[in-house]
N, C-alpha and C. Protein backbone atom coordinates (compact mmCIF):
# COMPACT_ATOMS: atom_id res chain seq x y z
N UNK A 1 97.74 -52.46 29.82
CA UNK A 1 98.18 -52.83 28.42
C UNK A 1 99.53 -52.33 27.94
N UNK A 2 100.31 -51.34 28.62
CA UNK A 2 101.76 -51.06 28.52
C UNK A 2 102.57 -52.42 28.54
N UNK A 3 102.27 -53.01 29.55
CA UNK A 3 103.01 -54.56 30.36
C UNK A 3 103.06 -55.37 28.70
N UNK A 4 102.04 -55.43 28.17
CA UNK A 4 101.87 -56.42 26.94
C UNK A 4 102.58 -55.52 26.00
N UNK A 5 102.45 -54.34 25.37
CA UNK A 5 103.04 -53.93 24.23
C UNK A 5 104.45 -53.58 24.45
N UNK A 6 104.89 -53.31 25.55
CA UNK A 6 106.52 -53.33 25.93
C UNK A 6 107.30 -54.47 25.62
N UNK A 7 106.59 -55.50 25.47
CA UNK A 7 107.14 -56.96 25.62
C UNK A 7 107.17 -57.11 23.89
N UNK A 8 106.60 -56.78 23.17
CA UNK A 8 106.59 -57.01 21.73
C UNK A 8 107.89 -56.64 20.89
N UNK A 9 108.25 -57.72 20.07
CA UNK A 9 109.71 -57.38 19.37
C UNK A 9 109.59 -55.94 18.64
N UNK A 10 110.84 -55.38 18.61
CA UNK A 10 110.79 -53.92 18.01
C UNK A 10 110.25 -53.00 18.88
N UNK A 11 109.61 -53.07 20.07
CA UNK A 11 109.40 -51.89 20.74
C UNK A 11 110.61 -51.73 21.83
N UNK A 12 110.79 -50.42 21.49
CA UNK A 12 111.82 -49.80 22.28
C UNK A 12 111.76 -49.16 23.48
N UNK A 13 110.39 -48.53 23.88
CA UNK A 13 109.91 -48.31 25.00
C UNK A 13 108.59 -47.73 24.98
N UNK A 14 108.00 -47.49 25.99
CA UNK A 14 106.68 -47.27 26.35
C UNK A 14 106.51 -46.13 27.62
N UNK A 15 105.47 -45.39 27.42
CA UNK A 15 105.31 -44.60 28.55
C UNK A 15 103.94 -44.24 28.72
N UNK A 16 102.92 -44.20 29.85
CA UNK A 16 101.64 -43.75 29.80
C UNK A 16 101.38 -42.29 30.44
N UNK A 17 100.24 -42.19 29.79
CA UNK A 17 99.77 -40.52 29.93
C UNK A 17 98.52 -40.27 29.49
N UNK A 18 98.40 -38.95 29.20
CA UNK A 18 97.44 -38.36 28.80
C UNK A 18 97.64 -37.78 27.59
N UNK A 19 96.55 -37.74 26.37
CA UNK A 19 96.79 -37.26 25.23
C UNK A 19 95.22 -37.20 24.56
N UNK A 20 95.19 -36.43 23.51
CA UNK A 20 93.92 -36.27 22.61
C UNK A 20 92.79 -35.34 23.32
N UNK A 21 93.33 -34.42 24.24
CA UNK A 21 91.94 -33.69 24.94
C UNK A 21 92.76 -32.08 24.76
N UNK A 22 92.17 -31.28 26.00
CA UNK A 22 92.36 -30.02 25.89
C UNK A 22 92.92 -29.13 26.88
N UNK A 23 93.29 -30.17 28.26
CA UNK A 23 94.02 -29.62 29.35
C UNK A 23 95.56 -29.49 29.26
N UNK A 24 96.37 -28.38 28.97
CA UNK A 24 97.65 -28.70 29.30
C UNK A 24 98.19 -29.34 30.56
N UNK A 25 99.48 -29.86 30.64
CA UNK A 25 99.95 -30.54 31.58
C UNK A 25 98.91 -31.23 32.35
N UNK A 26 98.33 -31.87 31.93
CA UNK A 26 97.37 -33.28 31.97
C UNK A 26 97.78 -34.21 33.14
N UNK A 27 97.10 -34.09 34.20
CA UNK A 27 97.30 -35.09 35.60
C UNK A 27 96.20 -36.28 35.66
N UNK A 28 96.40 -37.23 36.50
CA UNK A 28 95.13 -37.99 36.61
C UNK A 28 94.04 -37.33 37.35
N UNK A 29 94.46 -36.45 38.17
CA UNK A 29 93.15 -35.82 38.72
C UNK A 29 92.37 -34.68 37.91
N UNK A 30 93.22 -34.16 36.81
CA UNK A 30 92.72 -33.08 35.95
C UNK A 30 93.29 -33.41 34.65
N UNK A 31 92.58 -34.26 33.87
CA UNK A 31 92.97 -34.49 32.70
C UNK A 31 91.96 -34.19 31.23
N UNK A 32 90.84 -33.35 32.06
CA UNK A 32 89.83 -32.97 31.38
C UNK A 32 89.20 -33.97 30.38
N UNK A 33 89.27 -33.53 28.66
CA UNK A 33 88.95 -34.45 27.76
C UNK A 33 90.11 -35.57 27.03
N UNK A 34 91.07 -35.44 27.79
CA UNK A 34 92.60 -36.40 27.39
C UNK A 34 91.84 -38.01 27.50
N UNK A 35 92.51 -38.62 26.90
CA UNK A 35 92.45 -40.24 26.97
C UNK A 35 93.45 -40.51 27.44
N UNK A 36 93.32 -41.57 28.55
CA UNK A 36 94.54 -42.40 28.67
C UNK A 36 95.32 -43.15 27.44
N UNK A 37 96.27 -43.09 27.46
CA UNK A 37 97.28 -43.54 26.11
C UNK A 37 98.61 -44.02 26.70
N UNK A 38 98.94 -44.39 25.49
CA UNK A 38 100.42 -45.14 25.52
C UNK A 38 101.44 -44.43 24.73
N UNK A 39 102.32 -44.05 24.81
CA UNK A 39 103.32 -43.59 23.79
C UNK A 39 104.15 -44.78 23.79
N UNK A 40 104.30 -45.23 22.35
CA UNK A 40 105.17 -46.21 21.92
C UNK A 40 106.19 -45.85 20.98
N UNK A 41 107.53 -45.81 21.25
CA UNK A 41 108.68 -45.83 20.43
C UNK A 41 109.26 -47.35 20.06
N UNK A 42 109.13 -47.63 18.80
CA UNK A 42 109.63 -48.82 18.24
C UNK A 42 110.53 -48.90 16.84
N UNK A 43 111.04 -49.96 16.76
CA UNK A 43 111.98 -49.84 15.57
C UNK A 43 111.39 -50.37 14.40
N UNK A 44 110.87 -49.76 13.43
CA UNK A 44 110.37 -50.08 12.24
C UNK A 44 111.19 -51.07 11.31
N UNK A 45 112.17 -51.32 11.82
CA UNK A 45 112.88 -52.67 11.12
C UNK A 45 112.75 -53.95 11.77
N UNK A 46 112.17 -53.58 12.97
CA UNK A 46 111.78 -54.99 13.77
C UNK A 46 110.31 -55.13 13.76
N UNK A 47 109.59 -54.27 13.65
CA UNK A 47 107.97 -54.07 13.68
C UNK A 47 107.55 -53.24 12.89
N UNK A 48 106.05 -53.27 12.42
CA UNK A 48 105.42 -52.41 11.78
C UNK A 48 104.16 -51.42 12.54
N UNK A 49 104.02 -50.77 11.95
CA UNK A 49 102.94 -49.87 12.72
C UNK A 49 101.68 -50.72 12.67
N UNK A 50 101.52 -51.37 11.56
CA UNK A 50 100.12 -52.18 11.33
C UNK A 50 100.48 -53.52 12.22
N UNK A 51 101.43 -54.17 12.43
CA UNK A 51 101.83 -55.03 13.32
C UNK A 51 101.48 -54.43 14.86
N UNK A 52 101.69 -53.45 15.17
CA UNK A 52 101.36 -52.83 16.71
C UNK A 52 99.72 -52.62 16.45
N UNK A 53 99.20 -52.12 15.57
CA UNK A 53 97.87 -51.96 15.64
C UNK A 53 97.06 -53.24 15.72
N UNK A 54 97.39 -54.27 15.00
CA UNK A 54 96.77 -55.55 14.83
C UNK A 54 96.87 -56.04 16.33
N UNK A 55 97.88 -55.92 17.15
CA UNK A 55 98.21 -56.28 18.59
C UNK A 55 96.97 -55.66 19.37
N UNK A 56 97.06 -54.12 19.19
CA UNK A 56 96.28 -53.39 20.10
C UNK A 56 94.75 -53.82 19.72
N UNK A 57 94.03 -54.24 18.64
CA UNK A 57 92.85 -54.50 18.32
C UNK A 57 92.52 -56.03 18.94
N UNK A 58 93.78 -56.60 19.28
CA UNK A 58 93.44 -58.01 19.81
C UNK A 58 93.49 -58.12 21.15
N UNK A 59 94.15 -57.01 21.76
CA UNK A 59 94.05 -57.06 23.22
C UNK A 59 93.13 -56.18 24.09
N UNK A 60 92.46 -55.44 23.27
CA UNK A 60 91.22 -54.60 23.80
C UNK A 60 90.25 -54.73 23.27
N UNK A 61 88.87 -54.21 23.68
CA UNK A 61 87.93 -54.24 23.06
C UNK A 61 87.62 -53.15 22.26
N UNK A 62 87.61 -52.80 20.95
CA UNK A 62 87.49 -51.73 20.11
C UNK A 62 85.98 -51.34 19.65
N UNK A 63 85.13 -52.16 20.41
CA UNK A 63 83.54 -52.19 19.92
C UNK A 63 82.79 -51.36 20.85
N UNK A 64 83.33 -50.98 22.26
CA UNK A 64 82.48 -50.24 22.94
C UNK A 64 82.87 -48.90 23.33
N UNK A 65 82.16 -48.02 23.37
CA UNK A 65 82.81 -46.43 23.37
C UNK A 65 82.79 -46.20 24.68
N UNK A 66 84.12 -45.43 24.89
CA UNK A 66 84.05 -44.79 25.98
C UNK A 66 84.26 -45.88 27.41
N UNK A 67 84.75 -46.87 27.03
CA UNK A 67 85.03 -48.05 28.14
C UNK A 67 85.66 -49.32 27.61
N UNK A 68 86.59 -49.48 28.94
CA UNK A 68 87.61 -50.50 28.95
C UNK A 68 87.32 -51.30 29.95
N UNK A 69 86.81 -52.71 29.88
CA UNK A 69 86.71 -53.23 31.12
C UNK A 69 85.42 -52.81 32.07
N UNK A 70 85.99 -52.42 33.33
CA UNK A 70 85.15 -51.85 34.26
C UNK A 70 85.26 -50.59 34.44
N UNK A 71 86.16 -49.95 33.84
CA UNK A 71 86.76 -48.26 33.36
C UNK A 71 85.61 -47.79 32.59
N UNK A 72 84.96 -46.80 32.73
CA UNK A 72 84.36 -46.14 32.15
C UNK A 72 84.33 -44.58 31.84
N UNK A 73 83.97 -44.05 30.84
CA UNK A 73 84.17 -42.55 30.58
C UNK A 73 85.16 -42.38 29.39
N UNK A 74 84.92 -41.29 29.13
CA UNK A 74 85.73 -40.57 27.48
C UNK A 74 87.31 -40.98 27.98
N UNK A 75 87.58 -40.93 28.94
CA UNK A 75 89.21 -41.03 29.00
C UNK A 75 89.63 -42.43 28.62
N UNK A 76 88.64 -43.52 28.75
CA UNK A 76 88.77 -44.82 28.57
C UNK A 76 88.45 -45.27 26.85
N UNK A 77 88.22 -44.03 26.29
CA UNK A 77 88.05 -44.12 24.78
C UNK A 77 89.40 -44.99 24.22
N UNK A 78 88.97 -45.98 22.95
CA UNK A 78 89.77 -46.49 22.08
C UNK A 78 90.15 -45.32 21.10
N UNK A 79 91.63 -45.06 21.02
CA UNK A 79 91.75 -44.00 20.21
C UNK A 79 93.20 -44.72 19.73
N UNK A 80 93.61 -44.01 18.18
CA UNK A 80 94.83 -44.30 17.46
C UNK A 80 95.31 -42.73 17.20
N UNK A 81 96.52 -42.52 17.66
CA UNK A 81 97.16 -41.08 17.22
C UNK A 81 98.39 -41.41 16.14
N UNK A 82 98.09 -41.00 15.11
CA UNK A 82 98.93 -40.95 13.92
C UNK A 82 99.89 -39.60 13.90
N UNK A 83 101.36 -39.99 13.18
CA UNK A 83 102.03 -38.91 13.36
C UNK A 83 102.06 -38.18 11.78
N UNK A 84 101.59 -39.05 10.72
CA UNK A 84 101.61 -38.70 9.39
C UNK A 84 100.30 -39.45 8.70
N UNK A 85 100.04 -39.11 7.37
CA UNK A 85 99.24 -39.49 6.61
C UNK A 85 99.11 -40.94 6.25
N UNK A 86 100.16 -41.61 6.18
CA UNK A 86 100.64 -42.72 5.89
C UNK A 86 100.27 -43.90 6.93
N UNK A 87 100.39 -43.36 8.63
CA UNK A 87 100.05 -43.82 9.40
C UNK A 87 98.55 -43.72 9.53
N UNK A 88 98.22 -42.63 9.28
CA UNK A 88 96.54 -42.56 9.42
C UNK A 88 95.72 -43.80 8.30
N UNK A 89 96.59 -43.75 6.98
CA UNK A 89 95.72 -44.54 6.47
C UNK A 89 95.91 -46.41 6.66
N UNK A 90 97.27 -46.48 7.19
CA UNK A 90 97.15 -47.73 7.78
C UNK A 90 96.41 -47.89 9.08
N UNK A 91 96.06 -47.10 9.99
CA UNK A 91 94.83 -47.34 10.88
C UNK A 91 93.61 -47.44 10.30
N UNK A 92 93.13 -46.77 9.40
CA UNK A 92 91.84 -46.83 8.49
C UNK A 92 92.00 -48.04 8.14
N UNK A 93 92.89 -48.72 7.55
CA UNK A 93 93.06 -49.91 6.52
C UNK A 93 92.83 -51.08 7.75
N UNK A 94 93.29 -50.87 8.73
CA UNK A 94 93.50 -52.18 9.58
C UNK A 94 91.81 -52.09 10.16
N UNK A 95 91.47 -50.87 10.70
CA UNK A 95 90.10 -50.82 11.41
C UNK A 95 89.07 -51.57 10.29
N UNK A 96 89.12 -51.16 8.91
CA UNK A 96 88.27 -51.67 7.85
C UNK A 96 88.67 -53.41 7.99
N UNK A 97 89.79 -53.75 8.25
CA UNK A 97 90.03 -55.17 8.16
C UNK A 97 89.33 -55.87 9.35
N UNK A 98 89.67 -54.92 10.42
CA UNK A 98 88.97 -55.58 11.70
C UNK A 98 87.46 -55.90 11.60
N UNK A 99 86.73 -54.93 10.97
CA UNK A 99 85.41 -54.93 10.95
C UNK A 99 85.10 -56.04 10.16
N UNK A 100 85.75 -56.31 8.99
CA UNK A 100 85.32 -57.06 8.18
C UNK A 100 85.58 -58.66 8.54
N UNK A 101 86.65 -58.71 9.38
CA UNK A 101 86.78 -59.87 10.16
C UNK A 101 85.81 -61.02 10.83
N UNK A 102 85.04 -59.98 11.32
CA UNK A 102 84.14 -60.64 12.38
C UNK A 102 84.72 -61.06 13.81
N UNK A 103 85.89 -60.76 14.04
CA UNK A 103 86.55 -61.07 15.17
C UNK A 103 85.76 -60.65 16.45
N UNK A 104 85.54 -59.50 16.10
CA UNK A 104 84.78 -58.74 17.46
C UNK A 104 83.02 -58.89 17.12
N UNK A 105 82.60 -58.65 17.93
CA UNK A 105 80.87 -58.88 17.70
C UNK A 105 80.18 -57.80 17.05
N UNK A 106 80.93 -56.51 17.32
CA UNK A 106 80.36 -55.21 16.99
C UNK A 106 81.47 -54.65 16.15
N UNK A 107 81.14 -53.32 15.44
CA UNK A 107 81.71 -52.65 14.81
C UNK A 107 83.00 -51.75 15.56
N UNK A 108 84.19 -51.58 15.09
CA UNK A 108 84.95 -50.60 15.68
C UNK A 108 84.83 -49.17 15.86
N UNK A 109 84.68 -48.78 17.17
CA UNK A 109 84.40 -47.51 17.58
C UNK A 109 85.89 -46.55 17.71
N UNK A 110 86.89 -47.28 17.47
CA UNK A 110 88.34 -46.60 18.05
C UNK A 110 88.54 -45.12 17.02
N UNK A 111 88.69 -43.98 17.72
CA UNK A 111 88.93 -42.88 17.07
C UNK A 111 90.16 -42.90 16.29
N UNK A 112 90.79 -42.03 15.29
CA UNK A 112 91.59 -42.09 14.57
C UNK A 112 92.13 -40.46 14.32
N UNK A 113 92.85 -39.84 15.06
CA UNK A 113 93.50 -38.65 14.92
C UNK A 113 94.95 -38.54 14.75
N UNK A 114 95.21 -37.04 14.61
CA UNK A 114 96.50 -36.60 14.51
C UNK A 114 97.01 -36.62 16.03
N UNK A 115 98.37 -36.87 16.19
CA UNK A 115 98.93 -36.94 17.51
C UNK A 115 98.91 -35.48 17.92
N UNK A 116 98.87 -35.30 19.28
CA UNK A 116 98.98 -34.02 19.79
C UNK A 116 100.12 -34.12 20.89
N UNK A 117 99.83 -33.22 21.75
CA UNK A 117 100.30 -33.05 23.01
C UNK A 117 100.39 -34.50 23.76
N UNK A 118 101.55 -34.87 24.41
CA UNK A 118 101.27 -36.01 25.46
C UNK A 118 101.68 -35.55 26.54
N UNK A 119 100.96 -35.97 27.91
CA UNK A 119 101.35 -35.57 28.88
C UNK A 119 101.76 -37.05 29.80
N UNK A 120 102.78 -37.00 30.10
CA UNK A 120 103.25 -38.25 30.89
C UNK A 120 102.42 -38.29 32.27
N UNK A 121 102.17 -39.53 32.43
CA UNK A 121 101.32 -39.60 33.69
C UNK A 121 102.10 -39.86 34.95
N UNK A 122 101.70 -40.00 36.14
CA UNK A 122 102.48 -39.80 37.14
C UNK A 122 103.28 -41.03 37.71
N UNK A 123 104.24 -41.01 38.13
CA UNK A 123 105.20 -42.31 38.25
C UNK A 123 104.33 -43.72 38.88
N UNK A 124 103.16 -43.70 39.83
CA UNK A 124 102.58 -44.59 40.04
C UNK A 124 101.86 -45.28 39.13
N UNK A 125 101.59 -44.66 37.71
CA UNK A 125 100.80 -45.22 36.74
C UNK A 125 101.95 -45.91 35.79
N UNK A 126 102.86 -45.56 35.93
CA UNK A 126 104.15 -46.29 34.64
C UNK A 126 104.26 -47.56 35.27
N UNK A 127 104.56 -48.61 34.36
CA UNK A 127 104.85 -49.85 34.61
C UNK A 127 104.13 -50.50 35.91
N UNK A 128 102.82 -50.38 35.78
CA UNK A 128 102.03 -50.64 37.03
C UNK A 128 101.95 -52.07 37.16
N UNK A 129 101.59 -53.04 36.05
CA UNK A 129 101.37 -54.59 36.14
C UNK A 129 103.04 -55.07 36.32
N UNK A 130 103.99 -54.20 35.98
CA UNK A 130 105.62 -54.88 36.24
C UNK A 130 105.60 -54.79 38.17
N UNK A 131 105.02 -53.55 38.45
CA UNK A 131 105.18 -53.44 39.93
C UNK A 131 104.15 -54.13 40.56
N UNK A 132 102.80 -54.30 40.06
CA UNK A 132 101.76 -54.97 40.75
C UNK A 132 101.51 -56.42 39.70
N UNK A 133 102.12 -57.43 39.60
CA UNK A 133 101.89 -58.23 38.88
C UNK A 133 100.25 -58.88 39.03
N UNK A 134 99.71 -58.91 40.01
CA UNK A 134 98.08 -58.95 40.26
C UNK A 134 97.35 -58.05 40.19
N UNK A 135 97.81 -56.89 39.75
CA UNK A 135 97.06 -55.83 39.59
C UNK A 135 95.74 -55.84 38.53
N UNK A 136 94.66 -54.91 38.60
CA UNK A 136 93.58 -54.77 37.68
C UNK A 136 94.04 -54.75 36.28
N UNK A 137 93.54 -55.50 35.45
CA UNK A 137 93.98 -55.09 33.96
C UNK A 137 92.31 -55.78 33.18
N UNK A 138 92.36 -55.50 32.10
CA UNK A 138 91.26 -55.62 31.25
C UNK A 138 91.69 -56.21 29.95
N UNK A 139 92.95 -56.01 29.65
CA UNK A 139 93.89 -56.26 28.39
C UNK A 139 94.45 -57.36 28.44
N UNK A 140 94.25 -58.31 27.64
CA UNK A 140 95.12 -59.61 27.36
C UNK A 140 95.18 -60.09 26.00
N UNK A 141 96.19 -61.23 25.63
CA UNK A 141 96.05 -61.53 24.14
C UNK A 141 95.16 -62.68 24.18
N UNK A 142 94.45 -62.56 23.09
CA UNK A 142 93.63 -63.50 22.76
C UNK A 142 94.14 -64.38 21.69
N UNK A 143 94.63 -65.69 21.92
CA UNK A 143 95.83 -66.27 21.05
C UNK A 143 94.76 -66.87 19.59
N UNK A 144 93.48 -66.89 19.91
CA UNK A 144 92.98 -67.32 18.46
C UNK A 144 92.25 -66.09 17.44
N UNK A 145 92.85 -64.89 18.09
CA UNK A 145 92.31 -63.75 17.30
C UNK A 145 93.72 -63.48 16.32
N UNK A 146 93.49 -63.77 14.98
CA UNK A 146 94.29 -63.40 14.07
C UNK A 146 93.74 -62.81 12.94
N UNK A 147 94.10 -61.49 12.62
CA UNK A 147 93.52 -60.80 11.56
C UNK A 147 94.14 -61.40 10.26
N UNK A 148 93.00 -61.70 9.58
CA UNK A 148 93.87 -61.94 8.28
C UNK A 148 94.54 -60.91 7.61
N UNK A 149 95.52 -61.59 6.67
CA UNK A 149 96.46 -60.69 6.05
C UNK A 149 95.66 -59.89 4.96
N UNK A 150 95.88 -58.61 4.81
CA UNK A 150 95.57 -58.00 3.86
C UNK A 150 96.30 -58.02 2.31
N UNK A 151 95.27 -58.10 1.36
CA UNK A 151 95.72 -58.66 0.29
C UNK A 151 96.50 -57.51 -0.70
N UNK A 152 97.42 -57.55 -0.97
CA UNK A 152 98.39 -55.99 -1.84
C UNK A 152 97.41 -55.75 -2.96
N UNK A 153 97.21 -54.54 -3.15
CA UNK A 153 96.44 -53.65 -4.16
C UNK A 153 96.88 -54.23 -5.37
N UNK A 154 96.15 -54.39 -6.21
CA UNK A 154 96.45 -54.65 -7.62
C UNK A 154 96.91 -53.59 -8.59
N UNK A 155 97.99 -53.68 -9.50
CA UNK A 155 98.71 -52.60 -10.06
C UNK A 155 97.74 -52.26 -11.26
N UNK A 156 96.81 -52.81 -11.49
CA UNK A 156 95.85 -52.27 -12.71
C UNK A 156 95.27 -51.14 -12.73
């Protein structure tokens, strides 16, 4: 997923790690209840949080709990970690739009939680597909997956 997200216009940097859990200084071997995640730094003048989320929902299956491809367990849950109430609302609106679109066969189970500590993963996990282009991935763009644009709320 990191390899796909880092190539988006406006994305400045990414790093993989562990977040949303209970273990300080999480590692691959000891990550407790953390999810594997990606920290994304982006230029809001070039891309929006909504655009990042739409891509996120396009490249992974948000309808399976605690699973991504062959990887199973709570550390593989679908989650969005927001920094403020505006991002939270954008995340909830995007999930509602994905559910209404019918683009996935089930309802979205993605968690929406406030951002917490992020523990950077070990070097061997950073830029994995850049170093191993034929390595395992279950994330890919679906060219026909286009979320309908949200209508602006009326001022009535």
